[in-house]
Amino acid sequence: MSNRIEIQQVQPKAYEAMFALEKYLGQSKIEPLLKELIKIRVSQINGCAYCINMHTKDARKLGETEQRIYGLSAWRETPFYNDTERAVLALAEEITHISVHGVSDETYSMALEQLGEEKLAQVIMAVITINAWNRIGVSTHMKPTLD
């Protein structure tokens, strides 16, 4: 495997823009643990080991359980997640796989019912942001470190 660029060093202003999105999300009404569930699930779909590693650690620091973290890739098959989390995870998956069939009316309506317009907009931005981070991580081969 060849070495790849570090965008943060080559284009620091691009990272500044990404961090501005993170700052916006930090001030949003999305609960911190829900933000981490979004980041973990989207990173699983995109195969971004760097982000999975980072956000599972962050979720644990916020009190998330190992069982819910391990069950996240099969969330539909477990009783571990509430209706709001289920709506957000379904939306996150459809946005991440947007080229497959877009975002269904059913998923969108379910998310809107659970979240309301303002929080739904914030969740959409959270999903878009972690997808962007994943694409940076995967395309530049960012690797997690073993603690």
C-alpha atoms as a PDB file:
ATOM      1  CA  MET A   1       0.000   0.000   0.000  1.00  0.00           C
ATOM      2  CA  SER A   2       1.389   3.387  -0.963  1.00  0.00           C
ATOM      3  CA  ASN A   3       1.477   6.461   1.227  1.00  0.00           C
ATOM      4  CA  ARG A   4      -1.239   8.975   0.499  1.00  0.00           C
ATOM      5  CA  ILE A   5      -1.545  12.682   1.145  1.00  0.00           C
ATOM      6  CA  GLU A   6      -2.707  14.119   4.429  1.00  0.00           C
ATOM      7  CA  ILE A   7      -5.369  16.578   3.352  1.00  0.00           C
ATOM      8  CA  GLN A   8      -5.155  18.456   6.642  1.00  0.00           C
ATOM      9  CA  GLN A   9      -1.527  19.321   5.822  1.00  0.00           C
ATOM     10  CA  VAL A  10      -1.951  19.845   2.081  1.00  0.00           C
ATOM     11  CA  GLN A  11      -5.242  21.766   2.242  1.00  0.00           C
ATOM     12  CA  PRO A  12      -5.724  23.043   5.797  1.00  0.00           C
ATOM     13  CA  LYS A  13      -8.564  25.368   4.750  1.00  0.00           C
ATOM     14  CA  ALA A  14     -10.583  22.338   3.643  1.00  0.00           C
ATOM     15  CA  TYR A  15     -10.246  20.913   7.149  1.00  0.00           C
ATOM     16  CA  GLU A  16     -11.222  24.282   8.611  1.00  0.00           C
ATOM     17  CA  ALA A  17     -14.465  24.075   6.639  1.00  0.00           C
ATOM     18  CA  MET A  18     -15.084  20.518   7.857  1.00  0.00           C
ATOM     19  CA  PHE A  19     -14.425  21.574  11.442  1.00  0.00           C
ATOM     20  CA  ALA A  20     -16.910  24.428  10.984  1.00  0.00           C
ATOM     21  CA  LEU A  21     -19.542  21.782  10.219  1.00  0.00           C
ATOM     22  CA  GLU A  22     -18.499  19.900  13.357  1.00  0.00           C
ATOM     23  CA  LYS A  23     -18.847  23.102  15.386  1.00  0.00           C
ATOM     24  CA  TYR A  24     -22.351  23.601  13.984  1.00  0.00           C
ATOM     25  CA  LEU A  25     -23.245  20.000  14.885  1.00  0.00           C
ATOM     26  CA  GLY A  26     -21.802  20.480  18.369  1.00  0.00           C
ATOM     27  CA  GLN A  27     -24.348  23.243  18.926  1.00  0.00           C
ATOM     28  CA  SER A  28     -27.241  21.270  17.453  1.00  0.00           C
ATOM     29  CA  LYS A  29     -30.097  19.677  19.373  1.00  0.00           C
ATOM     30  CA  ILE A  30     -28.914  16.159  18.505  1.00  0.00           C
ATOM     31  CA  GLU A  31     -28.065  14.264  21.675  1.00  0.00           C
ATOM     32  CA  PRO A  32     -24.336  13.446  21.892  1.00  0.00           C
ATOM     33  CA  LEU A  33     -24.870   9.670  21.998  1.00  0.00           C
ATOM     34  CA  LEU A  34     -27.209   9.809  18.998  1.00  0.00           C
ATOM     35  CA  LYS A  35     -24.537  11.729  17.075  1.00  0.00           C
ATOM     36  CA  GLU A  36     -22.054   8.971  17.859  1.00  0.00           C
ATOM     37  CA  LEU A  37     -24.499   6.256  16.753  1.00  0.00           C
ATOM     38  CA  ILE A  38     -24.874   8.092  13.430  1.00  0.00           C
ATOM     39  CA  LYS A  39     -21.110   8.371  13.039  1.00  0.00           C
ATOM     40  CA  ILE A  40     -20.473   4.736  13.897  1.00  0.00           C
ATOM     41  CA  ARG A  41     -23.211   3.309  11.664  1.00  0.00           C
ATOM     42  CA  VAL A  42     -22.329   5.438   8.648  1.00  0.00           C
ATOM     43  CA  SER A  43     -18.635   4.650   9.130  1.00  0.00           C
ATOM     44  CA  GLN A  44     -19.459   0.928   9.241  1.00  0.00           C
ATOM     45  CA  ILE A  45     -21.305   1.205   5.936  1.00  0.00           C
ATOM     46  CA  ASN A  46     -18.463   3.170   4.340  1.00  0.00           C
ATOM     47  CA  GLY A  47     -15.758   0.895   5.744  1.00  0.00           C
ATOM     48  CA  CYS A  48     -13.852   3.706   7.455  1.00  0.00           C
ATOM     49  CA  ALA A  49     -11.830   1.961  10.163  1.00  0.00           C
ATOM     50  CA  TYR A  50     -10.334   5.242  11.358  1.00  0.00           C
ATOM     51  CA  CYS A  51     -13.752   6.768  12.066  1.00  0.00           C
ATOM     52  CA  ILE A  52     -15.212   3.559  13.525  1.00  0.00           C
ATOM     53  CA  ASN A  53     -12.305   3.431  15.958  1.00  0.00           C
ATOM     54  CA  MET A  54     -12.643   7.097  16.912  1.00  0.00           C
ATOM     55  CA  HIS A  55     -16.406   7.160  17.349  1.00  0.00           C
ATOM     56  CA  THR A  56     -16.767   3.902  19.241  1.00  0.00           C
ATOM     57  CA  LYS A  57     -14.262   5.307  21.741  1.00  0.00           C
ATOM     58  CA  ASP A  58     -16.194   8.588  21.890  1.00  0.00           C
ATOM     59  CA  ALA A  59     -19.476   6.722  22.394  1.00  0.00           C
ATOM     60  CA  ARG A  60     -18.004   4.697  25.255  1.00  0.00           C
ATOM     61  CA  LYS A  61     -16.787   7.895  26.929  1.00  0.00           C
ATOM     62  CA  LEU A  62     -20.368   9.181  26.774  1.00  0.00           C
ATOM     63  CA  GLY A  63     -21.626   6.023  28.474  1.00  0.00           C
ATOM     64  CA  GLU A  64     -22.713   3.956  25.475  1.00  0.00           C
ATOM     65  CA  THR A  65     -22.731   0.229  26.166  1.00  0.00           C
ATOM     66  CA  GLU A  66     -20.606  -2.342  24.400  1.00  0.00           C
ATOM     67  CA  GLN A  67     -23.744  -4.344  23.596  1.00  0.00           C
ATOM     68  CA  ARG A  68     -25.385  -1.453  21.725  1.00  0.00           C
ATOM     69  CA  ILE A  69     -22.157  -0.632  19.898  1.00  0.00           C
ATOM     70  CA  TYR A  70     -21.713  -4.281  18.826  1.00  0.00           C
ATOM     71  CA  GLY A  71     -25.364  -4.531  17.807  1.00  0.00           C
ATOM     72  CA  LEU A  72     -25.332  -1.397  15.696  1.00  0.00           C
ATOM     73  CA  SER A  73     -24.554  -3.152  12.416  1.00  0.00           C
ATOM     74  CA  ALA A  74     -27.692  -5.285  12.969  1.00  0.00           C
ATOM     75  CA  TRP A  75     -29.859  -2.652  14.688  1.00  0.00           C
ATOM     76  CA  ARG A  76     -33.048  -3.764  12.926  1.00  0.00           C
ATOM     77  CA  GLU A  77     -32.684  -7.224  14.487  1.00  0.00           C
ATOM     78  CA  THR A  78     -32.193  -6.080  18.076  1.00  0.00           C
ATOM     79  CA  PRO A  79     -34.423  -4.522  20.736  1.00  0.00           C
ATOM     80  CA  PHE A  80     -31.595  -2.207  21.862  1.00  0.00           C
ATOM     81  CA  TYR A  81     -32.652   1.007  20.108  1.00  0.00           C
ATOM     82  CA  ASN A  82     -35.647   3.266  20.678  1.00  0.00           C
ATOM     83  CA  ASP A  83     -37.993   4.623  17.986  1.00  0.00           C
ATOM     84  CA  THR A  84     -36.044   7.843  17.523  1.00  0.00           C
ATOM     85  CA  GLU A  85     -32.744   5.997  17.156  1.00  0.00           C
ATOM     86  CA  ARG A  86     -34.346   3.584  14.683  1.00  0.00           C
ATOM     87  CA  ALA A  87     -35.714   6.443  12.595  1.00  0.00           C
ATOM     88  CA  VAL A  88     -32.314   8.167  12.586  1.00  0.00           C
ATOM     89  CA  LEU A  89     -30.412   4.979  11.741  1.00  0.00           C
ATOM     90  CA  ALA A  90     -32.781   4.196   8.855  1.00  0.00           C
ATOM     91  CA  LEU A  91     -32.370   7.737   7.542  1.00  0.00           C
ATOM     92  CA  ALA A  92     -28.584   7.606   7.946  1.00  0.00           C
ATOM     93  CA  GLU A  93     -28.406   4.361   5.984  1.00  0.00           C
ATOM     94  CA  GLU A  94     -30.587   5.647   3.144  1.00  0.00           C
ATOM     95  CA  ILE A  95     -28.643   8.917   2.868  1.00  0.00           C
ATOM     96  CA  THR A  96     -25.365   6.987   2.871  1.00  0.00           C
ATOM     97  CA  HIS A  97     -26.693   4.644   0.155  1.00  0.00           C
ATOM     98  CA  ILE A  98     -28.473   7.512  -1.648  1.00  0.00           C
ATOM     99  CA  SER A  99     -27.577   6.245  -5.128  1.00  0.00           C
ATOM    100  CA  VAL A 100     -29.491   2.993  -4.506  1.00  0.00           C
ATOM    101  CA  HIS A 101     -33.008   4.409  -4.145  1.00  0.00           C
ATOM    102  CA  GLY A 102     -32.728   7.813  -2.533  1.00  0.00           C
ATOM    103  CA  VAL A 103     -34.481   8.456   0.769  1.00  0.00           C
ATOM    104  CA  SER A 104     -37.886   6.806   0.889  1.00  0.00           C
ATOM    105  CA  ASP A 105     -40.984   8.755   1.869  1.00  0.00           C
ATOM    106  CA  GLU A 106     -41.578   6.221   4.650  1.00  0.00           C
ATOM    107  CA  THR A 107     -38.148   6.739   6.199  1.00  0.00           C
ATOM    108  CA  TYR A 108     -38.312  10.509   5.807  1.00  0.00           C
ATOM    109  CA  SER A 109     -41.788  10.692   7.358  1.00  0.00           C
ATOM    110  CA  MET A 110     -40.763   8.469  10.251  1.00  0.00           C
ATOM    111  CA  ALA A 111     -37.727  10.665  10.944  1.00  0.00           C
ATOM    112  CA  LEU A 112     -39.778  13.860  10.663  1.00  0.00           C
ATOM    113  CA  GLU A 113     -42.362  12.489  13.091  1.00  0.00           C
ATOM    114  CA  GLN A 114     -39.682  11.536  15.629  1.00  0.00           C
ATOM    115  CA  LEU A 115     -37.495  14.616  15.262  1.00  0.00           C
ATOM    116  CA  GLY A 116     -39.451  17.599  13.943  1.00  0.00           C
ATOM    117  CA  GLU A 117     -38.158  19.795  11.124  1.00  0.00           C
ATOM    118  CA  GLU A 118     -35.269  21.530  12.897  1.00  0.00           C
ATOM    119  CA  LYS A 119     -33.718  18.409  14.382  1.00  0.00           C
ATOM    120  CA  LEU A 120     -34.327  16.464  11.155  1.00  0.00           C
ATOM    121  CA  ALA A 121     -32.321  19.081   9.262  1.00  0.00           C
ATOM    122  CA  GLN A 122     -29.548  18.755  11.837  1.00  0.00           C
ATOM    123  CA  VAL A 123     -29.522  14.957  11.579  1.00  0.00           C
ATOM    124  CA  ILE A 124     -29.317  15.165   7.784  1.00  0.00           C
ATOM    125  CA  MET A 125     -26.296  17.475   8.146  1.00  0.00           C
ATOM    126  CA  ALA A 126     -24.711  15.089  10.675  1.00  0.00           C
ATOM    127  CA  VAL A 127     -25.068  12.187   8.232  1.00  0.00           C
ATOM    128  CA  ILE A 128     -23.671  14.239   5.356  1.00  0.00           C
ATOM    129  CA  THR A 129     -20.724  15.378   7.479  1.00  0.00           C
ATOM    130  CA  ILE A 130     -19.656  11.911   8.634  1.00  0.00           C
ATOM    131  CA  ASN A 131     -20.009  10.655   5.066  1.00  0.00           C
ATOM    132  CA  ALA A 132     -17.583  13.389   4.005  1.00  0.00           C
ATOM    133  CA  TRP A 133     -15.141  12.491   6.800  1.00  0.00           C
ATOM    134  CA  ASN A 134     -15.385   8.810   5.819  1.00  0.00           C
ATOM    135  CA  ARG A 135     -14.541   9.640   2.231  1.00  0.00           C
ATOM    136  CA  ILE A 136     -11.483  11.562   3.379  1.00  0.00           C
ATOM    137  CA  GLY A 137     -10.416   8.702   5.648  1.00  0.00           C
ATOM    138  CA  VAL A 138     -10.934   5.925   3.121  1.00  0.00           C
ATOM    139  CA  SER A 139      -9.503   7.742   0.089  1.00  0.00           C
ATOM    140  CA  THR A 140      -6.345   8.750   1.957  1.00  0.00           C
ATOM    141  CA  HIS A 141      -5.995   5.430   3.856  1.00  0.00           C
ATOM    142  CA  MET A 142      -6.184   6.945   7.335  1.00  0.00           C
ATOM    143  CA  LYS A 143      -5.469   4.162   9.816  1.00  0.00           C
ATOM    144  CA  PRO A 144      -6.595   3.829  13.407  1.00  0.00           C
ATOM    145  CA  THR A 145      -4.041   3.261  16.099  1.00  0.00           C
ATOM    146  CA  LEU A 146      -4.217   0.512  18.674  1.00  0.00           C
ATOM    147  CA  ASP A 147      -4.381   1.918  22.195  1.00  0.00           C
END
